N, C-alpha and C. Protein backbone atom coordinates (compact mmCIF):
# COMPACT_ATOMS: atom_id res chain seq x y z
N MET A 1 -30.83 46.40 30.39
CA MET A 1 -31.84 46.26 28.91
C MET A 1 -31.97 47.31 28.78
N GLY A 2 -31.76 48.22 27.49
CA GLY A 2 -32.08 49.20 27.28
C GLY A 2 -33.75 49.32 27.11
N ARG A 3 -34.65 50.51 27.14
CA ARG A 3 -35.63 50.91 27.06
C ARG A 3 -36.19 51.29 25.61
N LEU A 4 -37.18 50.82 24.94
CA LEU A 4 -37.54 50.92 23.73
C LEU A 4 -38.01 52.57 23.76
N LEU A 5 -38.44 53.19 22.30
CA LEU A 5 -39.08 54.54 22.84
C LEU A 5 -40.42 53.84 23.27
N GLY A 6 -41.44 52.86 22.48
CA GLY A 6 -42.47 53.02 22.90
C GLY A 6 -43.20 52.26 24.46
N ASP A 7 -41.96 51.79 25.25
CA ASP A 7 -42.00 52.16 26.29
C ASP A 7 -41.94 52.98 27.51
N SER A 8 -41.90 54.06 27.55
CA SER A 8 -42.14 55.14 28.07
C SER A 8 -43.27 56.18 27.32
N VAL A 9 -44.04 56.48 28.66
CA VAL A 9 -45.10 57.51 28.64
C VAL A 9 -45.10 58.30 26.96
N ASP A 10 -43.59 59.15 27.42
CA ASP A 10 -43.26 60.22 26.25
C ASP A 10 -43.27 59.69 25.13
N GLY A 11 -43.31 58.10 25.08
CA GLY A 11 -43.22 57.75 23.60
C GLY A 11 -44.56 57.24 23.03
N HIS A 12 -45.40 56.85 24.06
CA HIS A 12 -46.61 56.74 24.01
C HIS A 12 -47.55 58.61 23.74
N LYS A 13 -47.23 59.37 24.11
CA LYS A 13 -47.81 60.51 23.91
C LYS A 13 -47.27 60.94 22.44
N THR A 14 -45.88 60.79 22.44
CA THR A 14 -45.19 61.16 20.85
C THR A 14 -46.15 60.36 19.88
N ALA A 15 -46.23 59.08 19.68
CA ALA A 15 -46.76 58.17 18.92
C ALA A 15 -48.56 58.55 18.48
N ALA A 16 -49.27 58.76 19.85
CA ALA A 16 -50.76 59.76 20.08
C ALA A 16 -50.87 60.91 19.01
N TYR A 17 -49.84 61.69 19.53
CA TYR A 17 -50.07 63.14 18.91
C TYR A 17 -49.62 62.75 17.09
N THR A 18 -48.59 61.76 16.61
CA THR A 18 -48.37 62.09 15.21
C THR A 18 -49.46 61.49 14.66
N LEU A 19 -50.12 60.34 15.58
CA LEU A 19 -51.28 59.65 14.63
C LEU A 19 -52.59 60.67 14.67
N ASN A 20 -52.71 61.74 15.35
CA ASN A 20 -53.62 62.71 15.46
C ASN A 20 -53.13 63.95 14.67
N MET A 21 -52.28 64.00 14.40
CA MET A 21 -52.00 65.04 13.56
C MET A 21 -51.05 64.23 11.86
N TRP A 22 -51.58 63.39 11.85
CA TRP A 22 -51.51 61.88 10.28
C TRP A 22 -51.73 62.95 8.74
N LYS A 23 -52.93 63.39 9.53
CA LYS A 23 -53.71 64.77 7.92
C LYS A 23 -52.94 65.21 7.73
N LYS A 24 -52.29 66.64 8.61
CA LYS A 24 -51.76 67.92 8.62
C LYS A 24 -50.06 67.21 8.26
N LEU A 25 -49.55 66.19 8.87
CA LEU A 25 -48.30 66.03 8.56
C LEU A 25 -48.26 65.66 6.90
N THR A 26 -49.01 64.95 6.66
CA THR A 26 -48.90 64.30 5.19
C THR A 26 -49.45 65.07 4.24
N GLY A 27 -50.01 66.49 4.61
CA GLY A 27 -50.50 67.35 3.82
C GLY A 27 -49.64 67.44 2.29
N CYS A 28 -48.12 67.57 2.83
CA CYS A 28 -47.39 68.06 1.81
C CYS A 28 -46.90 66.70 0.47
N LEU A 29 -47.54 65.81 0.81
CA LEU A 29 -47.66 64.46 -0.05
C LEU A 29 -48.94 64.84 -1.05
N GLU A 30 -50.33 65.79 -0.43
CA GLU A 30 -51.12 65.78 -1.29
C GLU A 30 -51.26 66.85 -2.10
N TYR A 31 -50.31 67.82 -1.57
CA TYR A 31 -50.43 69.36 -2.12
C TYR A 31 -48.81 69.90 -2.87
N GLU A 32 -48.22 69.58 -3.76
CA GLU A 32 -47.27 70.16 -4.05
C GLU A 32 -46.59 71.43 -3.52
N GLN A 33 -47.69 72.52 -3.38
CA GLN A 33 -47.38 73.68 -2.77
C GLN A 33 -46.82 73.61 -1.18
N VAL A 34 -47.22 72.96 -0.85
CA VAL A 34 -46.87 72.75 0.65
C VAL A 34 -45.49 72.02 0.80
N GLU A 35 -44.40 72.60 1.26
CA GLU A 35 -43.12 72.58 1.62
C GLU A 35 -42.68 71.15 2.63
N LEU A 36 -42.37 70.21 3.33
CA LEU A 36 -41.72 69.68 3.95
C LEU A 36 -41.02 70.09 4.84
N SER A 37 -40.23 70.67 4.34
CA SER A 37 -39.15 71.51 5.31
C SER A 37 -39.50 72.57 5.83
N ASN A 38 -39.26 73.37 6.53
CA ASN A 38 -39.54 74.80 7.44
C ASN A 38 -38.44 75.70 6.94
N ASN A 39 -37.48 75.15 5.99
CA ASN A 39 -36.19 76.01 6.11
C ASN A 39 -36.54 77.48 5.83
N LEU A 40 -37.27 77.73 4.92
CA LEU A 40 -37.11 78.87 4.44
C LEU A 40 -37.50 79.82 5.38
N ALA A 41 -38.23 79.35 6.04
CA ALA A 41 -39.06 80.24 7.30
C ALA A 41 -38.12 80.56 8.32
N GLU A 42 -37.12 79.10 8.49
CA GLU A 42 -35.83 79.60 9.24
C GLU A 42 -35.14 80.39 8.99
N ASN A 43 -34.75 80.09 7.80
CA ASN A 43 -33.63 81.61 7.34
C ASN A 43 -34.14 82.93 7.26
N SER A 44 -35.31 82.84 7.14
CA SER A 44 -35.70 84.06 7.00
C SER A 44 -35.68 84.79 8.48
N MET A 45 -36.05 84.12 9.56
CA MET A 45 -35.93 84.30 10.99
C MET A 45 -34.49 84.96 11.30
N ARG A 46 -33.35 84.09 10.77
CA ARG A 46 -32.04 83.83 11.41
C ARG A 46 -31.20 85.59 11.51
N PRO A 47 -31.82 86.20 10.80
CA PRO A 47 -30.89 87.80 10.71
C PRO A 47 -31.68 88.54 12.01
N VAL A 48 -32.85 87.92 12.20
CA VAL A 48 -33.51 88.28 13.38
C VAL A 48 -32.81 88.14 15.18
N ALA A 49 -32.42 86.81 14.59
CA ALA A 49 -32.60 85.88 15.71
C ALA A 49 -31.55 86.24 15.65
N LEU A 50 -30.46 86.96 14.88
CA LEU A 50 -28.59 87.21 15.39
C LEU A 50 -28.74 88.61 15.60
N GLY A 51 -29.24 89.27 15.34
CA GLY A 51 -29.32 90.94 15.92
C GLY A 51 -30.18 91.27 16.71
N ARG A 52 -30.79 90.14 17.82
CA ARG A 52 -31.39 90.32 18.86
C ARG A 52 -30.39 91.48 19.83
N LYS A 53 -29.45 90.78 20.38
CA LYS A 53 -28.60 90.73 20.82
C LYS A 53 -28.22 92.83 20.99
N ASN A 54 -27.89 92.82 19.47
CA ASN A 54 -27.68 94.23 19.19
C ASN A 54 -28.63 95.31 19.40
N TRP A 55 -29.41 94.81 18.98
CA TRP A 55 -30.91 95.32 18.97
C TRP A 55 -31.74 96.07 20.56
N LEU A 56 -31.06 95.33 21.46
CA LEU A 56 -31.05 95.56 22.78
C LEU A 56 -30.92 97.23 22.76
N HIS A 57 -30.15 97.56 22.50
CA HIS A 57 -29.75 98.87 22.47
C HIS A 57 -30.07 100.10 21.57
N VAL A 58 -31.29 99.92 21.26
CA VAL A 58 -31.85 100.64 19.63
C VAL A 58 -32.03 102.31 19.81
N GLY A 59 -31.70 102.31 21.03
CA GLY A 59 -31.83 104.47 21.60
C GLY A 59 -32.98 104.41 22.06
N SER A 60 -34.06 103.77 22.95
CA SER A 60 -34.86 104.39 23.45
C SER A 60 -36.04 102.64 23.70
N VAL A 61 -36.83 102.92 24.90
CA VAL A 61 -37.87 101.58 24.84
C VAL A 61 -38.87 102.00 23.92
N LYS A 62 -39.04 102.57 23.40
CA LYS A 62 -40.05 102.56 22.57
C LYS A 62 -39.59 102.45 20.77
N ALA A 63 -38.13 102.60 21.04
CA ALA A 63 -37.75 102.11 19.51
C ALA A 63 -37.95 100.28 19.18
N GLY A 64 -37.73 99.36 20.06
CA GLY A 64 -37.65 97.93 19.89
C GLY A 64 -39.12 97.30 19.16
N PRO A 65 -40.11 98.22 19.78
CA PRO A 65 -41.81 97.91 19.17
C PRO A 65 -41.65 98.02 17.65
N LYS A 66 -40.62 99.63 17.67
CA LYS A 66 -41.04 99.89 15.79
C LYS A 66 -40.02 99.04 15.03
N VAL A 67 -38.91 98.27 15.56
CA VAL A 67 -38.07 97.78 14.85
C VAL A 67 -38.83 96.56 14.73
N ALA A 68 -39.44 95.51 15.59
CA ALA A 68 -40.22 94.59 15.58
C ALA A 68 -41.80 94.85 14.66
N ALA A 69 -42.33 96.07 14.38
CA ALA A 69 -43.11 96.25 13.05
C ALA A 69 -42.83 96.25 11.48
N ILE A 70 -41.52 96.90 11.79
CA ILE A 70 -40.52 97.21 10.18
C ILE A 70 -40.14 95.75 9.48
N LEU A 71 -39.78 94.89 10.36
CA LEU A 71 -38.86 93.96 10.05
C LEU A 71 -39.72 92.89 9.15
N PRO A 72 -41.28 92.47 9.90
CA PRO A 72 -41.82 91.49 9.06
C PRO A 72 -42.00 92.66 6.91
N VAL A 73 -42.21 93.91 7.02
CA VAL A 73 -41.97 94.71 5.78
C VAL A 73 -40.92 94.70 5.49
N VAL A 74 -39.91 94.35 5.62
CA VAL A 74 -38.61 94.54 5.14
C VAL A 74 -38.40 93.04 4.47
N GLU A 75 -38.88 92.20 5.31
CA GLU A 75 -38.86 90.81 4.95
C GLU A 75 -39.41 90.53 3.86
N SER A 76 -40.80 90.87 3.48
CA SER A 76 -41.69 90.49 2.25
C SER A 76 -41.07 90.98 1.10
N CYS A 77 -40.40 92.30 1.38
CA CYS A 77 -40.05 93.17 0.01
C CYS A 77 -38.68 91.81 -0.42
N ARG A 78 -38.02 91.85 0.74
CA ARG A 78 -36.79 90.81 0.23
C ARG A 78 -36.61 89.74 -0.39
N ARG A 79 -38.28 89.28 -0.03
CA ARG A 79 -38.34 87.72 -0.45
C ARG A 79 -39.73 88.19 -1.87
N LEU A 80 -40.25 89.01 -2.38
CA LEU A 80 -40.40 89.66 -3.47
C LEU A 80 -39.57 90.50 -4.63
N ASP A 81 -38.13 90.46 -4.11
CA ASP A 81 -37.41 91.02 -4.73
C ASP A 81 -37.56 92.98 -4.97
N VAL A 82 -38.29 93.27 -3.89
CA VAL A 82 -38.92 94.93 -4.12
C VAL A 82 -37.62 95.24 -3.01
N PRO A 83 -37.07 96.56 -4.25
CA PRO A 83 -36.12 97.44 -3.43
C PRO A 83 -36.82 98.21 -2.02
N VAL A 84 -36.09 97.39 -0.82
CA VAL A 84 -37.02 98.19 0.21
C VAL A 84 -36.83 99.65 0.43
N LYS A 85 -35.29 100.21 0.03
CA LYS A 85 -35.60 101.87 0.65
C LYS A 85 -36.56 102.47 -0.80
N GLU A 86 -36.44 102.01 -1.48
CA GLU A 86 -37.49 102.08 -2.62
C GLU A 86 -39.01 102.37 -2.21
N TYR A 87 -39.56 100.83 -1.96
CA TYR A 87 -40.71 100.75 -1.29
C TYR A 87 -41.19 101.81 -0.17
N LEU A 88 -40.20 102.09 0.86
CA LEU A 88 -40.31 102.57 1.94
C LEU A 88 -40.27 104.15 1.78
N ALA A 89 -39.51 104.45 0.55
CA ALA A 89 -39.88 105.96 0.51
C ALA A 89 -41.12 106.23 -0.41
N GLY A 90 -41.23 105.15 -1.02
CA GLY A 90 -42.56 105.53 -1.69
C GLY A 90 -43.84 105.19 -1.12
N VAL A 91 -43.76 104.72 0.46
CA VAL A 91 -45.16 104.30 1.03
C VAL A 91 -44.96 104.70 2.33
N LEU A 92 -43.96 105.75 2.91
CA LEU A 92 -44.32 105.98 4.15
C LEU A 92 -44.70 107.30 4.45
N PRO A 93 -44.12 108.10 3.21
CA PRO A 93 -44.59 109.41 3.15
C PRO A 93 -46.29 109.68 3.15
N GLY A 94 -47.19 110.25 3.72
CA GLY A 94 -48.29 110.56 3.58
C GLY A 94 -49.21 108.99 3.97
N LEU A 95 -48.75 108.42 4.75
CA LEU A 95 -49.31 107.10 5.24
C LEU A 95 -50.39 107.17 6.14
N ASP A 96 -49.98 108.21 7.32
CA ASP A 96 -50.98 109.02 8.36
C ASP A 96 -52.28 109.36 7.30
N ARG A 97 -52.41 109.45 6.35
CA ARG A 97 -53.75 110.16 6.07
C ARG A 97 -54.30 109.49 4.90
N ARG A 98 -53.64 108.06 4.77
CA ARG A 98 -54.49 107.00 3.90
C ARG A 98 -55.60 106.29 4.61
N THR A 99 -56.90 105.87 4.06
CA THR A 99 -57.78 105.06 4.90
C THR A 99 -57.24 103.46 4.69
N MET A 100 -57.83 102.89 5.56
CA MET A 100 -57.43 101.62 6.06
C MET A 100 -57.62 100.55 4.44
N SER A 101 -58.41 101.03 3.50
CA SER A 101 -58.69 100.42 2.14
C SER A 101 -57.59 100.65 1.26
N GLU A 102 -57.20 101.77 1.66
CA GLU A 102 -55.92 102.92 0.56
C GLU A 102 -54.45 101.99 1.13
N VAL A 103 -54.54 101.57 2.01
CA VAL A 103 -53.45 101.05 3.10
C VAL A 103 -53.29 99.31 2.64
N ALA A 104 -54.37 98.63 2.38
CA ALA A 104 -54.40 96.93 2.04
C ALA A 104 -53.69 97.64 0.61
N ASP A 105 -53.68 98.32 -0.28
CA ASP A 105 -53.03 98.35 -1.52
C ASP A 105 -51.42 98.85 -1.73
N LEU A 106 -51.38 99.08 -0.61
CA LEU A 106 -49.42 99.26 -0.24
C LEU A 106 -48.70 97.97 0.27
N THR A 107 -49.20 96.89 0.41
CA THR A 107 -48.18 95.71 0.47
C THR A 107 -47.68 95.95 -0.31
N PRO A 108 -46.18 95.20 0.13
CA PRO A 108 -44.93 95.27 -1.11
C PRO A 108 -45.54 94.23 -2.34
N GLY A 109 -46.17 93.38 -2.34
CA GLY A 109 -46.25 92.99 -3.46
C GLY A 109 -47.44 93.59 -4.15
N ARG A 110 -48.68 94.18 -3.76
CA ARG A 110 -49.42 95.08 -4.23
C ARG A 110 -48.65 96.56 -5.04
N TRP A 111 -47.85 96.94 -4.08
CA TRP A 111 -47.30 98.25 -4.73
C TRP A 111 -46.50 98.11 -5.97
N SER A 112 -45.36 96.68 -5.53
CA SER A 112 -44.42 96.68 -6.97
C SER A 112 -45.32 95.99 -7.96
N ALA A 113 -46.78 95.53 -7.93
CA ALA A 113 -47.43 95.18 -9.05
C ALA A 113 -48.12 96.22 -9.72
N ALA A 114 -48.59 97.51 -9.21
CA ALA A 114 -49.10 98.48 -9.55
C ALA A 114 -47.98 99.14 -10.51
N ARG A 115 -46.52 99.20 -10.47
CA ARG A 115 -45.55 99.73 -10.83
C ARG A 115 -45.00 99.24 -12.28
N ARG A 116 -45.53 97.69 -12.06
CA ARG A 116 -44.83 97.29 -13.69
C ARG A 116 -45.93 97.16 -14.60
């Protein structure tokens, strides 16, 4: 006779986890801004996952962290329809001479809004 999910220790753990997280799991029902799916996040990370093998040989040991640092900026530009090359050309020159408070205005969203 087959076992039911509720008969196993893992089944009990799963049920307990679900009940403990119920408010968070049903948040999408209360707030329309919260999406039920994580497809947007998954799809935005797909190019990174596919490129990992190619980026094993990015030129030097120091290049890997630099690529990892710039990818979220590029993804933000893509999602906000901000031209990546134009954004980087406008933000990178002189970035080392800016204060931290000035850098906050250089996010892709703020940079784009300031040019409208």
